[in-house]
C-alpha atoms as a PDB file:
ATOM      1  CA  MET A   1       0.107  -0.068  -0.021  1.00  0.00           C
ATOM      2  CA  LYS A   2       1.377   3.516  -0.833  1.00  0.00           C
ATOM      3  CA  CYS A   3       1.830   5.613   2.240  1.00  0.00           C
ATOM      4  CA  ILE A   4       2.368   9.588   2.154  1.00  0.00           C
ATOM      5  CA  ARG A   5       4.743  10.703   4.384  1.00  0.00           C
ATOM      6  CA  VAL A   6       4.247  14.272   5.512  1.00  0.00           C
ATOM      7  CA  ASP A   7       7.722  16.019   7.114  1.00  0.00           C
ATOM      8  CA  ARG A   8       7.541  18.505   9.806  1.00  0.00           C
ATOM      9  CA  ILE A   9       8.666  21.596   8.613  1.00  0.00           C
ATOM     10  CA  GLU A  10       7.275  25.737   9.115  1.00  0.00           C
ATOM     11  CA  LEU A  11       4.931  26.511   7.065  1.00  0.00           C
ATOM     12  CA  ALA A  12       4.959  29.086   4.642  1.00  0.00           C
ATOM     13  CA  PRO A  13       3.314  31.139   2.203  1.00  0.00           C
ATOM     14  CA  ASP A  14       6.054  30.937  -0.765  1.00  0.00           C
ATOM     15  CA  ALA A  15       5.438  28.309  -2.959  1.00  0.00           C
ATOM     16  CA  ARG A  16       9.293  26.875  -2.868  1.00  0.00           C
ATOM     17  CA  ILE A  17       8.466  25.497   0.234  1.00  0.00           C
ATOM     18  CA  TRP A  18       7.238  22.110  -1.625  1.00  0.00           C
ATOM     19  CA  THR A  19      10.140  21.766  -3.898  1.00  0.00           C
ATOM     20  CA  ALA A  20      11.883  19.993  -1.483  1.00  0.00           C
ATOM     21  CA  GLN A  21       8.926  17.483  -0.435  1.00  0.00           C
ATOM     22  CA  PRO A  22       8.530  14.455  -2.260  1.00  0.00           C
ATOM     23  CA  VAL A  23       5.301  13.548  -4.371  1.00  0.00           C
ATOM     24  CA  THR A  24       3.232  10.472  -4.299  1.00  0.00           C
ATOM     25  CA  ALA A  25       1.338   9.877  -7.227  1.00  0.00           C
ATOM     26  CA  ILE A  26      -2.019   8.787  -6.914  1.00  0.00           C
ATOM     27  CA  ASP A  27      -3.641   6.321  -9.806  1.00  0.00           C
ATOM     28  CA  MET A  28      -7.316   7.771  -9.713  1.00  0.00           C
ATOM     29  CA  VAL A  29     -10.432   5.683 -11.467  1.00  0.00           C
ATOM     30  CA  ALA A  30     -13.885   6.381 -12.170  1.00  0.00           C
ATOM     31  CA  THR A  31     -16.427   6.002  -9.452  1.00  0.00           C
ATOM     32  CA  PRO A  32     -18.057   2.954 -10.664  1.00  0.00           C
ATOM     33  CA  PRO A  33     -21.679   3.302 -11.822  1.00  0.00           C
ATOM     34  CA  GLY A  34     -23.220   0.863  -9.183  1.00  0.00           C
ATOM     35  CA  LEU A  35     -22.201   3.321  -6.544  1.00  0.00           C
ATOM     36  CA  GLN A  36     -23.927   6.696  -8.001  1.00  0.00           C
ATOM     37  CA  PRO A  37     -26.362   7.744  -5.839  1.00  0.00           C
ATOM     38  CA  THR A  38     -29.352   7.342  -8.042  1.00  0.00           C
ATOM     39  CA  ALA A  39     -30.608   5.479 -11.099  1.00  0.00           C
ATOM     40  CA  TYR A  40     -31.018   8.971 -13.290  1.00  0.00           C
ATOM     41  CA  ILE A  41     -27.245   9.595 -12.988  1.00  0.00           C
ATOM     42  CA  GLN A  42     -26.162   5.961 -13.393  1.00  0.00           C
ATOM     43  CA  ASN A  43     -28.318   5.882 -16.844  1.00  0.00           C
ATOM     44  CA  SER A  44     -27.501   9.488 -18.404  1.00  0.00           C
ATOM     45  CA  TRP A  45     -23.358   8.656 -17.756  1.00  0.00           C
ATOM     46  CA  ALA A  46     -23.559   4.640 -18.976  1.00  0.00           C
ATOM     47  CA  ASP A  47     -22.452   5.693 -22.529  1.00  0.00           C
ATOM     48  CA  ARG A  48     -20.317   9.122 -21.213  1.00  0.00           C
ATOM     49  CA  PRO A  49     -16.559   9.007 -19.715  1.00  0.00           C
ATOM     50  CA  TYR A  50     -16.023  10.049 -16.756  1.00  0.00           C
ATOM     51  CA  GLY A  51     -13.392  10.123 -14.158  1.00  0.00           C
ATOM     52  CA  ARG A  52     -10.325  10.468 -16.603  1.00  0.00           C
ATOM     53  CA  ILE A  53      -8.190  12.498 -14.885  1.00  0.00           C
ATOM     54  CA  THR A  54      -5.101  10.321 -13.379  1.00  0.00           C
ATOM     55  CA  PRO A  55      -2.190  10.225 -11.848  1.00  0.00           C
ATOM     56  CA  LEU A  56      -3.003  13.082  -9.567  1.00  0.00           C
ATOM     57  CA  ARG A  57      -0.111  14.084  -7.645  1.00  0.00           C
ATOM     58  CA  VAL A  58       0.690  15.293  -4.180  1.00  0.00           C
ATOM     59  CA  ALA A  59       2.547  16.739  -1.428  1.00  0.00           C
ATOM     60  CA  ALA A  60       2.154  17.167   2.269  1.00  0.00           C
ATOM     61  CA  ILE A  61       3.575  19.278   5.077  1.00  0.00           C
ATOM     62  CA  HIS A  62       2.537  20.472   8.879  1.00  0.00           C
ATOM     63  CA  ASP A  63       3.844  22.946  11.246  1.00  0.00           C
ATOM     64  CA  GLY A  64       2.179  21.534  14.321  1.00  0.00           C
ATOM     65  CA  GLU A  65      -0.799  23.418  13.902  1.00  0.00           C
ATOM     66  CA  MET A  66      -1.915  23.200  10.360  1.00  0.00           C
ATOM     67  CA  LEU A  67      -1.291  20.352   7.462  1.00  0.00           C
ATOM     68  CA  ALA A  68      -1.252  21.579   4.060  1.00  0.00           C
ATOM     69  CA  ILE A  69      -1.736  19.158   1.154  1.00  0.00           C
ATOM     70  CA  ARG A  70      -0.608  20.374  -2.460  1.00  0.00           C
ATOM     71  CA  LEU A  71      -2.931  18.678  -5.111  1.00  0.00           C
ATOM     72  CA  SER A  72      -1.726  18.854  -8.799  1.00  0.00           C
ATOM     73  CA  TRP A  73      -3.614  16.883 -11.956  1.00  0.00           C
ATOM     74  CA  LYS A  74      -4.444  17.805 -15.499  1.00  0.00           C
ATOM     75  CA  PRO A  75      -7.767  18.464 -16.296  1.00  0.00           C
ATOM     76  CA  VAL A  76      -8.935  16.758 -19.705  1.00  0.00           C
ATOM     77  CA  GLY A  77     -12.049  18.502 -20.390  1.00  0.00           C
ATOM     78  CA  GLY A  78     -12.163  21.822 -21.540  1.00  0.00           C
ATOM     79  CA  GLY A  79     -13.321  25.237 -19.149  1.00  0.00           C
ATOM     80  CA  ASN A  80     -17.056  24.515 -18.878  1.00  0.00           C
ATOM     81  CA  PRO A  81     -18.352  27.768 -16.476  1.00  0.00           C
ATOM     82  CA  ASP A  82     -21.666  26.092 -15.902  1.00  0.00           C
ATOM     83  CA  PHE A  83     -19.530  23.156 -14.319  1.00  0.00           C
ATOM     84  CA  PRO A  84     -16.345  24.321 -11.633  1.00  0.00           C
ATOM     85  CA  ASP A  85     -13.444  22.500 -11.368  1.00  0.00           C
ATOM     86  CA  ALA A  86     -13.231  20.839  -7.933  1.00  0.00           C
ATOM     87  CA  ALA A  87     -11.640  18.141  -5.715  1.00  0.00           C
ATOM     88  CA  ALA A  88     -11.821  16.920  -2.198  1.00  0.00           C
ATOM     89  CA  ILE A  89      -9.799  15.155   0.305  1.00  0.00           C
ATOM     90  CA  ALA A  90     -11.383  12.896   2.838  1.00  0.00           C
ATOM     91  CA  LEU A  91     -10.478  11.931   6.040  1.00  0.00           C
ATOM     92  CA  PRO A  92     -12.095   8.673   8.272  1.00  0.00           C
ATOM     93  CA  VAL A  93     -13.441  10.607  11.696  1.00  0.00           C
ATOM     94  CA  SER A  94     -14.087   7.057  13.279  1.00  0.00           C
ATOM     95  CA  GLY A  95     -14.570   3.480  13.067  1.00  0.00           C
ATOM     96  CA  ASP A  96     -13.450   1.964   9.610  1.00  0.00           C
ATOM     97  CA  PRO A  97     -15.384   3.574   6.933  1.00  0.00           C
ATOM     98  CA  VAL A  98     -15.285   2.362   3.330  1.00  0.00           C
ATOM     99  CA  LEU A  99     -14.220   5.435   0.591  1.00  0.00           C
ATOM    100  CA  GLY A 100     -15.930   4.084  -2.007  1.00  0.00           C
ATOM    101  CA  LEU A 101     -18.942   4.229   0.068  1.00  0.00           C
ATOM    102  CA  MET A 102     -18.952   7.607   0.919  1.00  0.00           C
ATOM    103  CA  GLY A 103     -18.946   6.046   5.128  1.00  0.00           C
ATOM    104  CA  ALA A 104     -21.570   4.959   7.431  1.00  0.00           C
ATOM    105  CA  PRO A 105     -23.776   6.489  10.219  1.00  0.00           C
ATOM    106  CA  ASP A 106     -21.086   5.004  12.482  1.00  0.00           C
ATOM    107  CA  ALA A 107     -18.409   5.549  10.600  1.00  0.00           C
ATOM    108  CA  PRO A 108     -18.417   8.902   8.870  1.00  0.00           C
ATOM    109  CA  ILE A 109     -15.917  10.509   6.689  1.00  0.00           C
ATOM    110  CA  HIS A 110     -15.009  14.462   6.808  1.00  0.00           C
ATOM    111  CA  LEU A 111     -14.037  16.100   3.844  1.00  0.00           C
ATOM    112  CA  LEU A 112     -12.522  19.648   2.709  1.00  0.00           C
ATOM    113  CA  ARG A 113     -13.936  20.112  -1.131  1.00  0.00           C
ATOM    114  CA  TRP A 114     -12.687  23.044  -2.924  1.00  0.00           C
ATOM    115  CA  GLN A 115     -14.264  24.459  -5.803  1.00  0.00           C
ATOM    116  CA  THR A 116     -14.441  28.136  -7.803  1.00  0.00           C
ATOM    117  CA  HIS A 117     -17.137  29.889  -6.808  1.00  0.00           C
ATOM    118  CA  HIS A 118     -19.418  31.431  -9.314  1.00  0.00           C
ATOM    119  CA  ASP A 119     -17.636  34.700  -8.519  1.00  0.00           C
ATOM    120  CA  GLY A 120     -14.794  33.763  -9.258  1.00  0.00           C
ATOM    121  CA  GLY A 121     -13.581  33.228  -5.569  1.00  0.00           C
ATOM    122  CA  GLU A 122     -11.920  29.966  -4.112  1.00  0.00           C
ATOM    123  CA  LEU A 123     -14.625  28.381  -2.067  1.00  0.00           C
ATOM    124  CA  ILE A 124     -13.296  25.405   0.389  1.00  0.00           C
ATOM    125  CA  ARG A 125     -16.042  23.507   2.217  1.00  0.00           C
ATOM    126  CA  SER A 126     -16.530  21.436   5.128  1.00  0.00           C
ATOM    127  CA  ILE A 127     -18.394  18.089   4.489  1.00  0.00           C
ATOM    128  CA  LEU A 128     -19.772  14.838   6.359  1.00  0.00           C
ATOM    129  CA  ALA A 129     -20.350  12.012   5.125  1.00  0.00           C
ATOM    130  CA  GLU A 130     -22.238   9.040   6.206  1.00  0.00           C
ATOM    131  CA  GLY A 131     -22.833   6.859   3.377  1.00  0.00           C
ATOM    132  CA  ILE A 132     -23.586   7.785  -0.182  1.00  0.00           C
ATOM    133  CA  GLY A 133     -25.867  10.844  -1.212  1.00  0.00           C
ATOM    134  CA  SER A 134     -25.414  11.723   2.177  1.00  0.00           C
ATOM    135  CA  THR A 135     -23.283  14.651   2.836  1.00  0.00           C
ATOM    136  CA  ARG A 136     -24.384  17.482   4.498  1.00  0.00           C
ATOM    137  CA  PRO A 137     -22.192  20.364   6.179  1.00  0.00           C
ATOM    138  CA  GLY A 138     -19.396  19.306   8.628  1.00  0.00           C
ATOM    139  CA  PRO A 139     -17.981  21.105  11.446  1.00  0.00           C
ATOM    140  CA  GLU A 140     -16.448  24.461  11.493  1.00  0.00           C
ATOM    141  CA  ILE A 141     -12.511  24.056  11.375  1.00  0.00           C
ATOM    142  CA  LYS A 142     -10.165  26.586  10.531  1.00  0.00           C
ATOM    143  CA  ARG A 143      -9.523  25.780   6.941  1.00  0.00           C
ATOM    144  CA  ARG A 144      -7.696  27.696   4.199  1.00  0.00           C
ATOM    145  CA  VAL A 145      -6.983  26.854   0.132  1.00  0.00           C
ATOM    146  CA  GLY A 146      -4.401  28.500  -2.259  1.00  0.00           C
ATOM    147  CA  VAL A 147      -5.015  27.633  -6.339  1.00  0.00           C
ATOM    148  CA  ARG A 148      -2.866  28.216  -9.055  1.00  0.00           C
ATOM    149  CA  ARG A 149      -3.774  27.476 -12.781  1.00  0.00           C
ATOM    150  CA  HIS A 150      -0.415  27.131 -15.199  1.00  0.00           C
ATOM    151  CA  ASP A 151       0.829  25.571 -18.298  1.00  0.00           C
ATOM    152  CA  GLY A 152      -2.778  23.481 -18.539  1.00  0.00           C
ATOM    153  CA  LEU A 153      -2.603  22.006 -14.859  1.00  0.00           C
ATOM    154  CA  ILE A 154      -4.093  22.794 -11.708  1.00  0.00           C
ATOM    155  CA  ASP A 155      -2.430  23.223  -8.392  1.00  0.00           C
ATOM    156  CA  ILE A 156      -4.220  23.818  -5.479  1.00  0.00           C
ATOM    157  CA  VAL A 157      -3.233  23.961  -1.279  1.00  0.00           C
ATOM    158  CA  ILE A 158      -5.600  22.607   1.387  1.00  0.00           C
ATOM    159  CA  ALA A 159      -4.452  23.342   4.248  1.00  0.00           C
ATOM    160  CA  ARG A 160      -6.485  22.606   7.819  1.00  0.00           C
ATOM    161  CA  THR A 161      -6.082  22.745  11.852  1.00  0.00           C
ATOM    162  CA  LEU A 162      -4.983  20.025  13.662  1.00  0.00           C
ATOM    163  CA  GLY A 163      -6.170  18.375  16.499  1.00  0.00           C
ATOM    164  CA  GLN A 164      -9.889  16.936  16.552  1.00  0.00           C
ATOM    165  CA  GLY A 165     -12.961  18.145  17.617  1.00  0.00           C
ATOM    166  CA  ALA A 166     -16.640  16.528  17.443  1.00  0.00           C
ATOM    167  CA  GLY A 167     -17.170  15.812  13.725  1.00  0.00           C
ATOM    168  CA  ALA A 168     -13.858  17.007  12.422  1.00  0.00           C
ATOM    169  CA  ALA A 169     -11.257  13.855  11.490  1.00  0.00           C
ATOM    170  CA  PRO A 170      -8.689  13.763  13.872  1.00  0.00           C
ATOM    171  CA  LEU A 171      -5.046  14.652  12.617  1.00  0.00           C
ATOM    172  CA  LEU A 172      -2.247  14.268  15.457  1.00  0.00           C
ATOM    173  CA  ALA A 173       0.987  14.815  15.351  1.00  0.00           C
ATOM    174  CA  GLY A 174       3.508  11.696  15.987  1.00  0.00           C
ATOM    175  CA  LYS A 175       0.270   9.577  14.706  1.00  0.00           C
ATOM    176  CA  THR A 176      -1.126   7.940  11.262  1.00  0.00           C
ATOM    177  CA  THR A 177      -4.723   8.068   9.729  1.00  0.00           C
ATOM    178  CA  LYS A 178      -6.023   7.538   6.227  1.00  0.00           C
ATOM    179  CA  ILE A 179      -6.693  10.005   3.524  1.00  0.00           C
ATOM    180  CA  GLY A 180      -8.694   9.831   0.301  1.00  0.00           C
ATOM    181  CA  PHE A 181      -8.603  11.859  -2.712  1.00  0.00           C
ATOM    182  CA  ALA A 182     -11.645  13.252  -5.415  1.00  0.00           C
ATOM    183  CA  VAL A 183     -11.488  15.430  -8.630  1.00  0.00           C
ATOM    184  CA  TRP A 184     -13.930  16.772 -10.758  1.00  0.00           C
ATOM    185  CA  ASP A 185     -12.882  17.798 -14.203  1.00  0.00           C
ATOM    186  CA  GLY A 186     -15.519  20.428 -14.655  1.00  0.00           C
ATOM    187  CA  GLY A 187     -14.766  20.484 -18.644  1.00  0.00           C
ATOM    188  CA  ASN A 188     -16.334  17.620 -18.902  1.00  0.00           C
ATOM    189  CA  GLU A 189     -19.438  18.318 -16.829  1.00  0.00           C
ATOM    190  CA  GLU A 190     -18.718  16.319 -13.609  1.00  0.00           C
ATOM    191  CA  ARG A 191     -20.249  16.976 -10.624  1.00  0.00           C
ATOM    192  CA  ALA A 192     -21.759  14.804  -7.520  1.00  0.00           C
ATOM    193  CA  GLY A 193     -20.808  11.141  -8.026  1.00  0.00           C
ATOM    194  CA  ILE A 194     -19.659  11.522 -11.345  1.00  0.00           C
ATOM    195  CA  LYS A 195     -15.918  12.119 -10.645  1.00  0.00           C
ATOM    196  CA  ALA A 196     -12.065  10.419 -10.313  1.00  0.00           C
ATOM    197  CA  PHE A 197     -10.987   8.844  -7.129  1.00  0.00           C
ATOM    198  CA  SER A 198      -8.080   7.670  -5.241  1.00  0.00           C
ATOM    199  CA  GLY A 199      -9.932   4.026  -4.939  1.00  0.00           C
ATOM    200  CA  ASP A 200      -8.964   3.006  -1.297  1.00  0.00           C
ATOM    201  CA  TRP A 201      -7.300   4.752   1.332  1.00  0.00           C
ATOM    202  CA  ILE A 202      -4.141   5.902   1.736  1.00  0.00           C
ATOM    203  CA  ASP A 203      -1.697   6.187   4.529  1.00  0.00           C
ATOM    204  CA  LEU A 204      -0.762   9.655   6.051  1.00  0.00           C
ATOM    205  CA  ALA A 205       1.646   9.674   8.122  1.00  0.00           C
ATOM    206  CA  LEU A 206       2.562  12.946  10.349  1.00  0.00           C
ATOM    207  CA  ASP A 207       6.349  13.282  11.495  1.00  0.00           C
ATOM    208  CA  ALA A 208       6.012  14.223  15.271  1.00  0.00           C
END
């Protein structure tokens, strides 16, 4: 199983901090039709390709207070103002959730989901999932996002505070947890369950 190693270094706004971080290439797959939330979505996309963004390149750092994860990928479709590009990181809150099933009532998943807002701003949402089609607003947790588009690529940095709290996935220095990823190709009109995702959890080890 792949493991993303997270070194403890000082966070800084200078993007050069990422040049020293190891990058893990994650093989992404399309969410299977049977895992789509409705029959309408399953039928609408039965003959349309989706979830073609792969690999997703991932790096991570933390400073003892915040974890920052950098995601980089190349969109497949062209731009579409009605369907923004989006990406999410998923972390287990408790229990042993199945990533592809978006968790369960006794094993929820906490997601931080980025997309470009309709007014041009960058939106990062906290979401809690307890099964397919069950997403709802997640815990209010300190979070930030930075975005760069260049040379046909999208680079984003999603950051959240370390620690644990009601509904928030625990992130503790010196501990290992799991992480999953999802990417929506807006140019291909992808949304909801129509996406590329990491298929299964990946180990996330935070340096002490």
